Amino acid sequence: MTKINLYKDNFQEQARVLMENDEFIISSFKYDSGVEALKVQNSRGYLTILPFEGLMIWDAVFDGFDLKMKNTFKQPYPGKQITDSYGPFQFHSGLLASGNPGPEDDHYAHGEFPLTSMDSSFIEINEDAVTVSSQVEYVKGFGDHYFANPSVTLKKGSALLDIKMFVKNLSDYQEMPLQYLTHINYKFVKGAQISQNIPETAFHLRESIPDHIHPTKEWLAFTKQIAASGQLINELDKEEHFDPEIVYFGDDLNQQVDQAEFEMKMDRQHTVMVSFNTKEFPNVTRWLMYNPDLQVAAFALPATSRTEGRTAAKKAGTLIMLQPGESRQFEVTTGLKD
């Protein structure tokens, strides 16, 4: 195993190769916005990872196929909340709160973590895989105190990646809330087909309407129709139905299967997948949206609870309370299938 510690002066406007072998090329660069980035490339394609900004995956391209949603951001930006830089392929939603805040919440959309400035970051390399790992200690006076260690692994000859998150409550006496979602933003392809090993009865259309949603008469009529029918949308056939967004919640997946498996066949050549352990993630969110600015088919977002904010999770009994010294670990496998 080879370990490369990353420092911010490794990153300049001009790309520099940090490591190269027969399978992998890792290079560093800095966006015009000042955000540091790593390009991790194997024989199938590449990831663009932001090691000091929440360990986001900004881009994911494999076999010449761009997996990421269409959005309005040409580059990542520093900021306080995810809406300041809403263009990544994947980000970590949480950790003290997740999802869209409800009327009784005071947290950011998707919590404090997505754009968190990380304390340190490093690369681990072996013959078969490259892992980029970052660490941060979050602490507030008279508030919560935790350690978080997200990582992403790309393997030799593979277009699949493993996304992990480890979090530990560092308080000596105080419990802390934990609400977490792995937010994976695949692009919307007309005609794509979604499948899963979860019964459709486990999914429910979101009934609440967040503040950022401005429903039309047509959208209200369509959502009323699918809510009454209990239909789960598995085909991306009519773009006009997804403006504004359509969101489903899959609940209590751990009562259905041990390992959740979701696939989306985008076309004849490209199928993507999301796989996760339902004991770690008993819930899943499906987010579908299509307009000229934002086109996304986030067909499976593994979650610890519904993404309606911390207060809603607390009322539903799905908000995790980490005891002093307690830790949790989460892992998701996703990407382009062979």
C-alpha atoms as a PDB file:
ATOM      1  CA  MET A   1       0.000   0.000   0.000  1.00  0.00           C
ATOM      2  CA  THR A   2       1.272   3.465  -0.944  1.00  0.00           C
ATOM      3  CA  LYS A   3      -0.074   6.537   0.855  1.00  0.00           C
ATOM      4  CA  ILE A   4       0.132  10.089  -0.486  1.00  0.00           C
ATOM      5  CA  ASN A   5      -0.766  12.894   1.909  1.00  0.00           C
ATOM      6  CA  LEU A   6      -2.423  15.839   0.195  1.00  0.00           C
ATOM      7  CA  TYR A   7      -1.656  19.474   0.935  1.00  0.00           C
ATOM      8  CA  LYS A   8      -3.348  22.488  -0.560  1.00  0.00           C
ATOM      9  CA  ASP A   9      -0.129  23.646  -2.220  1.00  0.00           C
ATOM     10  CA  ASN A  10      -0.269  20.417  -4.279  1.00  0.00           C
ATOM     11  CA  PHE A  11      -3.063  22.100  -6.225  1.00  0.00           C
ATOM     12  CA  GLN A  12      -2.379  24.748  -8.867  1.00  0.00           C
ATOM     13  CA  GLU A  13      -4.366  26.110 -11.807  1.00  0.00           C
ATOM     14  CA  GLN A  14      -2.337  23.910 -14.137  1.00  0.00           C
ATOM     15  CA  ALA A  15      -2.911  20.184 -13.710  1.00  0.00           C
ATOM     16  CA  ARG A  16      -0.016  18.161 -12.267  1.00  0.00           C
ATOM     17  CA  VAL A  17       0.343  14.392 -12.276  1.00  0.00           C
ATOM     18  CA  LEU A  18       0.832  13.069  -8.739  1.00  0.00           C
ATOM     19  CA  MET A  19       1.020   9.363  -9.577  1.00  0.00           C
ATOM     20  CA  GLU A  20       0.943   7.188 -12.684  1.00  0.00           C
ATOM     21  CA  ASN A  21       1.162   3.442 -13.247  1.00  0.00           C
ATOM     22  CA  ASP A  22      -0.131   0.930 -15.807  1.00  0.00           C
ATOM     23  CA  GLU A  23      -3.754   1.337 -14.638  1.00  0.00           C
ATOM     24  CA  PHE A  24      -4.169   4.631 -12.783  1.00  0.00           C
ATOM     25  CA  ILE A  25      -3.307   8.280 -13.355  1.00  0.00           C
ATOM     26  CA  ILE A  26      -3.946  10.731 -10.496  1.00  0.00           C
ATOM     27  CA  SER A  27      -3.568  14.444 -11.130  1.00  0.00           C
ATOM     28  CA  SER A  28      -4.301  17.565  -9.107  1.00  0.00           C
ATOM     29  CA  PHE A  29      -5.583  20.945 -10.222  1.00  0.00           C
ATOM     30  CA  LYS A  30      -7.506  23.957  -8.946  1.00  0.00           C
ATOM     31  CA  TYR A  31     -10.662  25.440 -10.421  1.00  0.00           C
ATOM     32  CA  ASP A  32     -10.883  29.189 -11.115  1.00  0.00           C
ATOM     33  CA  SER A  33     -13.167  29.333  -8.059  1.00  0.00           C
ATOM     34  CA  GLY A  34     -10.231  28.212  -5.887  1.00  0.00           C
ATOM     35  CA  VAL A  35     -11.657  24.746  -5.139  1.00  0.00           C
ATOM     36  CA  GLU A  36      -9.022  21.980  -5.166  1.00  0.00           C
ATOM     37  CA  ALA A  37      -9.701  18.857  -7.239  1.00  0.00           C
ATOM     38  CA  LEU A  38      -8.246  15.432  -8.023  1.00  0.00           C
ATOM     39  CA  LYS A  39      -8.762  13.602 -11.301  1.00  0.00           C
ATOM     40  CA  VAL A  40      -8.558   9.870 -10.603  1.00  0.00           C
ATOM     41  CA  GLN A  41      -8.428   7.952 -13.867  1.00  0.00           C
ATOM     42  CA  ASN A  42      -8.381   4.233 -14.631  1.00  0.00           C
ATOM     43  CA  SER A  43      -8.655   2.302 -17.898  1.00  0.00           C
ATOM     44  CA  ARG A  44     -12.452   2.802 -17.980  1.00  0.00           C
ATOM     45  CA  GLY A  45     -12.752   6.508 -17.219  1.00  0.00           C
ATOM     46  CA  TYR A  46     -12.340   8.997 -14.410  1.00  0.00           C
ATOM     47  CA  LEU A  47     -13.725  10.689 -11.321  1.00  0.00           C
ATOM     48  CA  THR A  48     -13.178  14.316 -10.355  1.00  0.00           C
ATOM     49  CA  ILE A  49     -13.056  14.428  -6.558  1.00  0.00           C
ATOM     50  CA  LEU A  50     -12.964  17.464  -4.248  1.00  0.00           C
ATOM     51  CA  PRO A  51     -10.737  16.283  -1.366  1.00  0.00           C
ATOM     52  CA  PHE A  52     -11.066  19.424   0.760  1.00  0.00           C
ATOM     53  CA  GLU A  53     -14.729  20.219   0.103  1.00  0.00           C
ATOM     54  CA  GLY A  54     -16.888  17.526   1.667  1.00  0.00           C
ATOM     55  CA  LEU A  55     -15.106  14.870  -0.434  1.00  0.00           C
ATOM     56  CA  MET A  56     -17.653  15.476  -3.191  1.00  0.00           C
ATOM     57  CA  ILE A  57     -17.444  13.634  -6.485  1.00  0.00           C
ATOM     58  CA  TRP A  58     -17.888  16.442  -8.992  1.00  0.00           C
ATOM     59  CA  ASP A  59     -17.672  14.429 -12.228  1.00  0.00           C
ATOM     60  CA  ALA A  60     -18.006  10.765 -13.182  1.00  0.00           C
ATOM     61  CA  VAL A  61     -17.252   9.716 -16.773  1.00  0.00           C
ATOM     62  CA  PHE A  62     -16.765   6.090 -17.847  1.00  0.00           C
ATOM     63  CA  ASP A  63     -16.504   4.484 -21.274  1.00  0.00           C
ATOM     64  CA  GLY A  64     -16.855   8.008 -22.659  1.00  0.00           C
ATOM     65  CA  PHE A  65     -20.305   8.315 -21.028  1.00  0.00           C
ATOM     66  CA  ASP A  66     -20.987  11.213 -18.638  1.00  0.00           C
ATOM     67  CA  LEU A  67     -23.049   9.933 -15.701  1.00  0.00           C
ATOM     68  CA  LYS A  68     -23.783  13.265 -14.019  1.00  0.00           C
ATOM     69  CA  MET A  69     -26.998  15.255 -14.007  1.00  0.00           C
ATOM     70  CA  LYS A  70     -27.348  18.354 -16.158  1.00  0.00           C
ATOM     71  CA  ASN A  71     -27.100  21.492 -14.011  1.00  0.00           C
ATOM     72  CA  THR A  72     -26.193  25.170 -14.151  1.00  0.00           C
ATOM     73  CA  PHE A  73     -22.798  24.997 -12.399  1.00  0.00           C
ATOM     74  CA  LYS A  74     -19.743  24.899 -14.673  1.00  0.00           C
ATOM     75  CA  GLN A  75     -17.425  24.437 -11.682  1.00  0.00           C
ATOM     76  CA  PRO A  76     -17.648  23.883  -7.916  1.00  0.00           C
ATOM     77  CA  TYR A  77     -17.644  26.863  -5.563  1.00  0.00           C
ATOM     78  CA  PRO A  78     -16.834  27.295  -1.875  1.00  0.00           C
ATOM     79  CA  GLY A  79     -19.865  28.033   0.279  1.00  0.00           C
ATOM     80  CA  LYS A  80     -21.863  27.244   3.394  1.00  0.00           C
ATOM     81  CA  GLN A  81     -24.624  25.063   1.964  1.00  0.00           C
ATOM     82  CA  ILE A  82     -25.169  22.741  -0.979  1.00  0.00           C
ATOM     83  CA  THR A  83     -27.183  25.286  -2.974  1.00  0.00           C
ATOM     84  CA  ASP A  84     -23.973  27.361  -3.238  1.00  0.00           C
ATOM     85  CA  SER A  85     -22.448  24.610  -5.401  1.00  0.00           C
ATOM     86  CA  TYR A  86     -25.232  22.315  -6.645  1.00  0.00           C
ATOM     87  CA  GLY A  87     -23.439  20.553  -9.480  1.00  0.00           C
ATOM     88  CA  PRO A  88     -21.808  17.348  -8.151  1.00  0.00           C
ATOM     89  CA  PHE A  89     -22.323  13.772  -9.216  1.00  0.00           C
ATOM     90  CA  GLN A  90     -22.334  12.797  -5.532  1.00  0.00           C
ATOM     91  CA  PHE A  91     -22.281  14.523  -2.150  1.00  0.00           C
ATOM     92  CA  HIS A  92     -22.813  13.564   1.498  1.00  0.00           C
ATOM     93  CA  SER A  93     -26.100  14.853   2.952  1.00  0.00           C
ATOM     94  CA  GLY A  94     -26.079  15.216   6.740  1.00  0.00           C
ATOM     95  CA  LEU A  95     -24.712  14.567   9.240  1.00  0.00           C
ATOM     96  CA  LEU A  96     -26.661  16.326  11.979  1.00  0.00           C
ATOM     97  CA  ALA A  97     -29.638  16.812   9.662  1.00  0.00           C
ATOM     98  CA  SER A  98     -30.514  15.768   6.129  1.00  0.00           C
ATOM     99  CA  GLY A  99     -32.951  16.580   3.377  1.00  0.00           C
ATOM    100  CA  ASN A 100     -35.167  19.608   2.948  1.00  0.00           C
ATOM    101  CA  PRO A 101     -35.855  21.424   6.227  1.00  0.00           C
ATOM    102  CA  GLY A 102     -39.449  21.431   7.392  1.00  0.00           C
ATOM    103  CA  PRO A 103     -41.257  24.430   8.930  1.00  0.00           C
ATOM    104  CA  GLU A 104     -39.879  23.579  12.398  1.00  0.00           C
ATOM    105  CA  ASP A 105     -36.266  23.119  11.241  1.00  0.00           C
ATOM    106  CA  ASP A 106     -33.431  25.654  11.217  1.00  0.00           C
ATOM    107  CA  HIS A 107     -30.796  23.601   9.360  1.00  0.00           C
ATOM    108  CA  TYR A 108     -29.542  24.045   5.801  1.00  0.00           C
ATOM    109  CA  ALA A 109     -30.984  21.931   3.010  1.00  0.00           C
ATOM    110  CA  HIS A 110     -29.061  18.636   3.235  1.00  0.00           C
ATOM    111  CA  GLY A 111     -27.352  19.678   6.441  1.00  0.00           C
ATOM    112  CA  GLU A 112     -23.994  21.137   7.375  1.00  0.00           C
ATOM    113  CA  PHE A 113     -21.704  18.567   5.729  1.00  0.00           C
ATOM    114  CA  PRO A 114     -21.834  18.839   1.890  1.00  0.00           C
ATOM    115  CA  LEU A 115     -19.412  21.799   1.554  1.00  0.00           C
ATOM    116  CA  THR A 116     -17.504  21.213   4.787  1.00  0.00           C
ATOM    117  CA  SER A 117     -13.837  22.224   4.640  1.00  0.00           C
ATOM    118  CA  MET A 118     -11.939  19.029   5.438  1.00  0.00           C
ATOM    119  CA  ASP A 119      -9.004  19.023   7.883  1.00  0.00           C
ATOM    120  CA  SER A 120      -6.901  16.520   5.929  1.00  0.00           C
ATOM    121  CA  SER A 121      -6.988  14.269   2.906  1.00  0.00           C
ATOM    122  CA  PHE A 122      -4.850  11.457   1.491  1.00  0.00           C
ATOM    123  CA  ILE A 123      -4.684   8.868  -1.284  1.00  0.00           C
ATOM    124  CA  GLU A 124      -4.098   5.145  -0.741  1.00  0.00           C
ATOM    125  CA  ILE A 125      -2.897   3.131  -3.733  1.00  0.00           C
ATOM    126  CA  ASN A 126      -2.410  -0.571  -4.307  1.00  0.00           C
ATOM    127  CA  GLU A 127      -2.231  -2.702  -7.440  1.00  0.00           C
ATOM    128  CA  ASP A 128      -5.997  -3.034  -7.735  1.00  0.00           C
ATOM    129  CA  ALA A 129      -7.540   0.163  -6.340  1.00  0.00           C
ATOM    130  CA  VAL A 130      -7.191   3.838  -5.472  1.00  0.00           C
ATOM    131  CA  THR A 131      -8.931   5.294  -2.416  1.00  0.00           C
ATOM    132  CA  VAL A 132      -9.275   9.002  -1.691  1.00  0.00           C
ATOM    133  CA  SER A 133     -10.050   9.636   1.981  1.00  0.00           C
ATOM    134  CA  SER A 134     -10.722  12.846   3.916  1.00  0.00           C
ATOM    135  CA  GLN A 135     -11.141  13.604   7.601  1.00  0.00           C
ATOM    136  CA  VAL A 136     -12.717  16.388   9.614  1.00  0.00           C
ATOM    137  CA  GLU A 137     -13.437  17.132  13.277  1.00  0.00           C
ATOM    138  CA  TYR A 138     -16.649  19.100  13.702  1.00  0.00           C
ATOM    139  CA  VAL A 139     -16.993  20.928  16.994  1.00  0.00           C
ATOM    140  CA  LYS A 140     -19.194  23.737  18.321  1.00  0.00           C
ATOM    141  CA  GLY A 141     -19.085  25.355  21.727  1.00  0.00           C
ATOM    142  CA  PHE A 142     -22.050  24.023  23.736  1.00  0.00           C
ATOM    143  CA  GLY A 143     -22.981  21.965  20.669  1.00  0.00           C
ATOM    144  CA  ASP A 144     -22.231  18.783  18.785  1.00  0.00           C
ATOM    145  CA  HIS A 145     -18.768  17.276  18.379  1.00  0.00           C
ATOM    146  CA  TYR A 146     -17.972  14.529  15.884  1.00  0.00           C
ATOM    147  CA  PHE A 147     -15.290  13.007  13.672  1.00  0.00           C
ATOM    148  CA  ALA A 148     -16.149  12.144  10.066  1.00  0.00           C
ATOM    149  CA  ASN A 149     -14.144  10.174   7.514  1.00  0.00           C
ATOM    150  CA  PRO A 150     -15.679   9.865   4.027  1.00  0.00           C
ATOM    151  CA  SER A 151     -13.848   7.952   1.287  1.00  0.00           C
ATOM    152  CA  VAL A 152     -14.281   6.835  -2.315  1.00  0.00           C
ATOM    153  CA  THR A 153     -12.590   3.847  -3.975  1.00  0.00           C
ATOM    154  CA  LEU A 154     -12.098   3.208  -7.689  1.00  0.00           C
ATOM    155  CA  LYS A 155     -10.881  -0.257  -8.691  1.00  0.00           C
ATOM    156  CA  LYS A 156      -8.759  -1.499 -11.552  1.00  0.00           C
ATOM    157  CA  GLY A 157     -10.658  -1.930 -14.818  1.00  0.00           C
ATOM    158  CA  SER A 158     -13.986  -1.047 -13.183  1.00  0.00           C
ATOM    159  CA  ALA A 159     -16.563   1.688 -13.677  1.00  0.00           C
ATOM    160  CA  LEU A 160     -18.040   0.998 -10.231  1.00  0.00           C
ATOM    161  CA  LEU A 161     -17.027   2.879  -7.106  1.00  0.00           C
ATOM    162  CA  ASP A 162     -17.420   2.347  -3.376  1.00  0.00           C
ATOM    163  CA  ILE A 163     -18.512   5.391  -1.367  1.00  0.00           C
ATOM    164  CA  LYS A 164     -18.082   5.197   2.408  1.00  0.00           C
ATOM    165  CA  MET A 165     -18.799   7.388   5.416  1.00  0.00           C
ATOM    166  CA  PHE A 166     -17.594   6.827   8.991  1.00  0.00           C
ATOM    167  CA  VAL A 167     -18.848   9.092  11.770  1.00  0.00           C
ATOM    168  CA  LYS A 168     -18.150   9.028  15.525  1.00  0.00           C
ATOM    169  CA  ASN A 169     -19.660  11.096  18.318  1.00  0.00           C
ATOM    170  CA  LEU A 170     -16.657  12.619  20.160  1.00  0.00           C
ATOM    171  CA  SER A 171     -18.635  14.025  23.070  1.00  0.00           C
ATOM    172  CA  ASP A 172     -17.843  12.528  26.467  1.00  0.00           C
ATOM    173  CA  TYR A 173     -21.417  12.796  27.704  1.00  0.00           C
ATOM    174  CA  GLN A 174     -23.811  14.203  25.102  1.00  0.00           C
ATOM    175  CA  GLU A 175     -25.709  12.230  22.489  1.00  0.00           C
ATOM    176  CA  MET A 176     -25.909  13.680  18.963  1.00  0.00           C
ATOM    177  CA  PRO A 177     -28.454  13.389  16.159  1.00  0.00           C
ATOM    178  CA  LEU A 178     -27.394  11.534  13.020  1.00  0.00           C
ATOM    179  CA  GLN A 179     -29.329  11.762   9.766  1.00  0.00           C
ATOM    180  CA  TYR A 180     -27.478  10.759   6.616  1.00  0.00           C
ATOM    181  CA  LEU A 181     -28.069  10.272   2.902  1.00  0.00           C
ATOM    182  CA  THR A 182     -25.674   9.453   0.058  1.00  0.00           C
ATOM    183  CA  HIS A 183     -26.818  11.835  -2.684  1.00  0.00           C
ATOM    184  CA  ILE A 184     -26.004  10.342  -6.126  1.00  0.00           C
ATOM    185  CA  ASN A 185     -27.131  12.477  -9.063  1.00  0.00           C
ATOM    186  CA  TYR A 186     -27.378  10.511 -12.308  1.00  0.00           C
ATOM    187  CA  LYS A 187     -28.451  12.235 -15.498  1.00  0.00           C
ATOM    188  CA  PHE A 188     -31.965  11.994 -16.862  1.00  0.00           C
ATOM    189  CA  VAL A 189     -32.149   9.991 -20.113  1.00  0.00           C
ATOM    190  CA  LYS A 190     -35.524   9.832 -21.830  1.00  0.00           C
ATOM    191  CA  GLY A 191     -36.771   6.255 -21.981  1.00  0.00           C
ATOM    192  CA  ALA A 192     -34.547   5.002 -19.161  1.00  0.00           C
ATOM    193  CA  GLN A 193     -35.898   1.990 -17.260  1.00  0.00           C
ATOM    194  CA  ILE A 194     -35.499   1.574 -13.490  1.00  0.00           C
ATOM    195  CA  SER A 195     -35.712  -1.733 -11.624  1.00  0.00           C
ATOM    196  CA  GLN A 196     -35.154  -2.824  -8.027  1.00  0.00           C
ATOM    197  CA  ASN A 197     -35.417  -5.853  -5.765  1.00  0.00           C
ATOM    198  CA  ILE A 198     -37.839  -3.978  -3.487  1.00  0.00           C
ATOM    199  CA  PRO A 199     -41.641  -4.390  -3.788  1.00  0.00           C
ATOM    200  CA  GLU A 200     -43.367  -1.284  -5.132  1.00  0.00           C
ATOM    201  CA  THR A 201     -45.594  -1.282  -2.039  1.00  0.00           C
ATOM    202  CA  ALA A 202     -42.584  -0.102  -0.007  1.00  0.00           C
ATOM    203  CA  PHE A 203     -42.566   3.227  -1.907  1.00  0.00           C
ATOM    204  CA  HIS A 204     -44.730   6.259  -1.224  1.00  0.00           C
ATOM    205  CA  LEU A 205     -45.028   9.488  -3.160  1.00  0.00           C
ATOM    206  CA  ARG A 206     -43.894  12.520  -1.162  1.00  0.00           C
ATOM    207  CA  GLU A 207     -46.966  14.463  -0.087  1.00  0.00           C
ATOM    208  CA  SER A 208     -45.255  17.476   1.472  1.00  0.00           C
ATOM    209  CA  ILE A 209     -44.205  20.333  -0.822  1.00  0.00           C
ATOM    210  CA  PRO A 210     -40.871  21.969   0.138  1.00  0.00           C
ATOM    211  CA  ASP A 211     -40.447  25.736  -0.137  1.00  0.00           C
ATOM    212  CA  HIS A 212     -38.302  25.462  -3.281  1.00  0.00           C
ATOM    213  CA  ILE A 213     -41.084  23.709  -5.224  1.00  0.00           C
ATOM    214  CA  HIS A 214     -43.589  25.792  -7.192  1.00  0.00           C
ATOM    215  CA  PRO A 215     -46.282  23.392  -8.382  1.00  0.00           C
ATOM    216  CA  THR A 216     -48.261  23.887 -11.591  1.00  0.00           C
ATOM    217  CA  LYS A 217     -51.858  22.769 -12.156  1.00  0.00           C
ATOM    218  CA  GLU A 218     -50.633  20.026 -14.490  1.00  0.00           C
ATOM    219  CA  TRP A 219     -48.104  18.769 -11.930  1.00  0.00           C
ATOM    220  CA  LEU A 220     -50.687  18.760  -9.130  1.00  0.00           C
ATOM    221  CA  ALA A 221     -53.102  16.776 -11.305  1.00  0.00           C
ATOM    222  CA  PHE A 222     -50.405  14.251 -12.253  1.00  0.00           C
ATOM    223  CA  THR A 223     -49.174  13.741  -8.694  1.00  0.00           C
ATOM    224  CA  LYS A 224     -52.754  13.343  -7.494  1.00  0.00           C
ATOM    225  CA  GLN A 225     -53.237  10.656 -10.129  1.00  0.00           C
ATOM    226  CA  ILE A 226     -50.130   8.636  -9.254  1.00  0.00           C
ATOM    227  CA  ALA A 227     -50.744   9.029  -5.521  1.00  0.00           C
ATOM    228  CA  ALA A 228     -54.231   7.565  -5.929  1.00  0.00           C
ATOM    229  CA  SER A 229     -52.972   4.683  -8.076  1.00  0.00           C
ATOM    230  CA  GLY A 230     -49.957   3.902  -5.876  1.00  0.00           C
ATOM    231  CA  GLN A 231     -47.836   3.822  -9.038  1.00  0.00           C
ATOM    232  CA  LEU A 232     -44.056   3.874  -8.689  1.00  0.00           C
ATOM    233  CA  ILE A 233     -42.459   5.593 -11.663  1.00  0.00           C
ATOM    234  CA  ASN A 234     -39.915   3.207 -13.172  1.00  0.00           C
ATOM    235  CA  GLU A 235     -39.805   4.648 -16.695  1.00  0.00           C
ATOM    236  CA  LEU A 236     -38.616   8.109 -17.683  1.00  0.00           C
ATOM    237  CA  ASP A 237     -41.013   8.464 -20.581  1.00  0.00           C
ATOM    238  CA  LYS A 238     -42.647  11.908 -20.334  1.00  0.00           C
ATOM    239  CA  GLU A 239     -40.311  14.737 -19.334  1.00  0.00           C
ATOM    240  CA  GLU A 240     -43.147  17.189 -18.660  1.00  0.00           C
ATOM    241  CA  HIS A 241     -44.230  15.139 -15.645  1.00  0.00           C
ATOM    242  CA  PHE A 242     -40.987  15.924 -13.821  1.00  0.00           C
ATOM    243  CA  ASP A 243     -41.165  19.727 -13.667  1.00  0.00           C
ATOM    244  CA  PRO A 244     -41.169  20.376 -10.785  1.00  0.00           C
ATOM    245  CA  GLU A 245     -39.663  17.304  -9.151  1.00  0.00           C
ATOM    246  CA  ILE A 246     -41.234  13.944  -8.363  1.00  0.00           C
ATOM    247  CA  VAL A 247     -39.997  12.338  -5.133  1.00  0.00           C
ATOM    248  CA  TYR A 248     -40.672   8.894  -3.690  1.00  0.00           C
ATOM    249  CA  PHE A 249     -39.703   7.494  -0.302  1.00  0.00           C
ATOM    250  CA  GLY A 250     -38.962   3.809   0.180  1.00  0.00           C
ATOM    251  CA  ASP A 251     -39.426   2.898   3.842  1.00  0.00           C
ATOM    252  CA  ASP A 252     -38.360  -0.015   6.064  1.00  0.00           C
ATOM    253  CA  LEU A 253     -36.269  -1.667   3.371  1.00  0.00           C
ATOM    254  CA  ASN A 254     -34.578  -3.777   6.059  1.00  0.00           C
ATOM    255  CA  GLN A 255     -37.866  -5.652   6.401  1.00  0.00           C
ATOM    256  CA  GLN A 256     -37.766  -6.542   2.703  1.00  0.00           C
ATOM    257  CA  VAL A 257     -34.164  -7.448   1.790  1.00  0.00           C
ATOM    258  CA  ASP A 258     -30.707  -7.416   3.372  1.00  0.00           C
ATOM    259  CA  GLN A 259     -29.034  -5.865   0.323  1.00  0.00           C
ATOM    260  CA  ALA A 260     -30.932  -3.381  -1.810  1.00  0.00           C
ATOM    261  CA  GLU A 261     -30.152  -3.485  -5.535  1.00  0.00           C
ATOM    262  CA  PHE A 262     -31.303  -0.753  -7.915  1.00  0.00           C
ATOM    263  CA  GLU A 263     -30.545  -0.470 -11.637  1.00  0.00           C
ATOM    264  CA  MET A 264     -31.314   2.100 -14.308  1.00  0.00           C
ATOM    265  CA  LYS A 265     -30.941   1.070 -17.951  1.00  0.00           C
ATOM    266  CA  MET A 266     -30.213   4.351 -19.707  1.00  0.00           C
ATOM    267  CA  ASP A 267     -29.878   2.907 -23.214  1.00  0.00           C
ATOM    268  CA  ARG A 268     -28.784  -0.316 -24.918  1.00  0.00           C
ATOM    269  CA  GLN A 269     -25.183   0.123 -23.826  1.00  0.00           C
ATOM    270  CA  HIS A 270     -25.326   1.812 -20.431  1.00  0.00           C
ATOM    271  CA  THR A 271     -26.839   0.553 -17.186  1.00  0.00           C
ATOM    272  CA  VAL A 272     -26.010   2.096 -13.821  1.00  0.00           C
ATOM    273  CA  MET A 273     -26.609   0.621 -10.396  1.00  0.00           C
ATOM    274  CA  VAL A 274     -26.832   1.461  -6.684  1.00  0.00           C
ATOM    275  CA  SER A 275     -26.323  -1.226  -4.025  1.00  0.00           C
ATOM    276  CA  PHE A 276     -26.377  -0.890  -0.225  1.00  0.00           C
ATOM    277  CA  ASN A 277     -26.999  -2.718   3.044  1.00  0.00           C
ATOM    278  CA  THR A 278     -30.478  -1.989   4.386  1.00  0.00           C
ATOM    279  CA  LYS A 279     -29.385  -2.286   8.010  1.00  0.00           C
ATOM    280  CA  GLU A 280     -27.171   0.753   7.421  1.00  0.00           C
ATOM    281  CA  PHE A 281     -29.722   2.439   5.149  1.00  0.00           C
ATOM    282  CA  PRO A 282     -33.307   1.360   5.920  1.00  0.00           C
ATOM    283  CA  ASN A 283     -34.706   4.065   3.623  1.00  0.00           C
ATOM    284  CA  VAL A 284     -34.212   5.240   0.057  1.00  0.00           C
ATOM    285  CA  THR A 285     -35.306   8.379  -1.809  1.00  0.00           C
ATOM    286  CA  ARG A 286     -36.032   8.615  -5.550  1.00  0.00           C
ATOM    287  CA  TRP A 287     -35.712  12.130  -7.000  1.00  0.00           C
ATOM    288  CA  LEU A 288     -36.699  12.776 -10.622  1.00  0.00           C
ATOM    289  CA  MET A 289     -36.596  16.226 -12.227  1.00  0.00           C
ATOM    290  CA  TYR A 290     -36.455  17.588 -15.759  1.00  0.00           C
ATOM    291  CA  ASN A 291     -36.374  21.188 -16.940  1.00  0.00           C
ATOM    292  CA  PRO A 292     -34.026  23.173 -19.215  1.00  0.00           C
ATOM    293  CA  ASP A 293     -31.651  23.900 -16.297  1.00  0.00           C
ATOM    294  CA  LEU A 294     -31.739  20.737 -14.197  1.00  0.00           C
ATOM    295  CA  GLN A 295     -32.172  17.189 -15.482  1.00  0.00           C
ATOM    296  CA  VAL A 296     -31.612  14.481 -12.902  1.00  0.00           C
ATOM    297  CA  ALA A 297     -32.617  10.875 -12.306  1.00  0.00           C
ATOM    298  CA  ALA A 298     -31.435  10.221  -8.755  1.00  0.00           C
ATOM    299  CA  PHE A 299     -33.197   6.876  -8.847  1.00  0.00           C
ATOM    300  CA  ALA A 300     -31.842   5.521  -5.532  1.00  0.00           C
ATOM    301  CA  LEU A 301     -30.503   7.719  -2.726  1.00  0.00           C
ATOM    302  CA  PRO A 302     -29.697   5.486   0.288  1.00  0.00           C
ATOM    303  CA  ALA A 303     -30.787   7.142   3.537  1.00  0.00           C
ATOM    304  CA  THR A 304     -31.220   6.569   7.244  1.00  0.00           C
ATOM    305  CA  SER A 305     -34.660   8.231   7.145  1.00  0.00           C
ATOM    306  CA  ARG A 306     -36.990  10.158   4.894  1.00  0.00           C
ATOM    307  CA  THR A 307     -35.447  13.380   3.635  1.00  0.00           C
ATOM    308  CA  GLU A 308     -37.980  15.838   5.031  1.00  0.00           C
ATOM    309  CA  GLY A 309     -35.684  17.370   7.621  1.00  0.00           C
ATOM    310  CA  ARG A 310     -34.578  16.527  11.137  1.00  0.00           C
ATOM    311  CA  THR A 311     -37.829  17.334  12.955  1.00  0.00           C
ATOM    312  CA  ALA A 312     -39.855  15.039  10.699  1.00  0.00           C
ATOM    313  CA  ALA A 313     -37.343  12.215  11.251  1.00  0.00           C
ATOM    314  CA  LYS A 314     -37.497  12.745  15.010  1.00  0.00           C
ATOM    315  CA  LYS A 315     -41.306  12.594  14.985  1.00  0.00           C
ATOM    316  CA  ALA A 316     -41.214   9.443  12.849  1.00  0.00           C
ATOM    317  CA  GLY A 317     -38.739   7.768  15.214  1.00  0.00           C
ATOM    318  CA  THR A 318     -36.105   7.388  12.473  1.00  0.00           C
ATOM    319  CA  LEU A 319     -33.611   9.979  13.714  1.00  0.00           C
ATOM    320  CA  ILE A 320     -30.507   8.154  14.980  1.00  0.00           C
ATOM    321  CA  MET A 321     -29.133   9.358  18.320  1.00  0.00           C
ATOM    322  CA  LEU A 322     -25.445   8.481  18.610  1.00  0.00           C
ATOM    323  CA  GLN A 323     -24.371   7.932  22.194  1.00  0.00           C
ATOM    324  CA  PRO A 324     -21.045   9.350  23.476  1.00  0.00           C
ATOM    325  CA  GLY A 325     -18.216   7.492  21.737  1.00  0.00           C
ATOM    326  CA  GLU A 326     -20.593   5.616  19.433  1.00  0.00           C
ATOM    327  CA  SER A 327     -19.855   5.368  15.717  1.00  0.00           C
ATOM    328  CA  ARG A 328     -21.601   4.303  12.509  1.00  0.00           C
ATOM    329  CA  GLN A 329     -20.292   3.330   9.087  1.00  0.00           C
ATOM    330  CA  PHE A 330     -22.100   3.420   5.754  1.00  0.00           C
ATOM    331  CA  GLU A 331     -21.152   2.044   2.326  1.00  0.00           C
ATOM    332  CA  VAL A 332     -22.703   2.346  -1.139  1.00  0.00           C
ATOM    333  CA  THR A 333     -21.554   0.796  -4.411  1.00  0.00           C
ATOM    334  CA  THR A 334     -22.603   2.640  -7.548  1.00  0.00           C
ATOM    335  CA  GLY A 335     -21.529   3.358 -11.104  1.00  0.00           C
ATOM    336  CA  LEU A 336     -21.678   1.921 -14.598  1.00  0.00           C
ATOM    337  CA  LYS A 337     -22.153  -1.831 -14.889  1.00  0.00           C
ATOM    338  CA  ASP A 338     -20.045  -3.862 -17.316  1.00  0.00           C
END
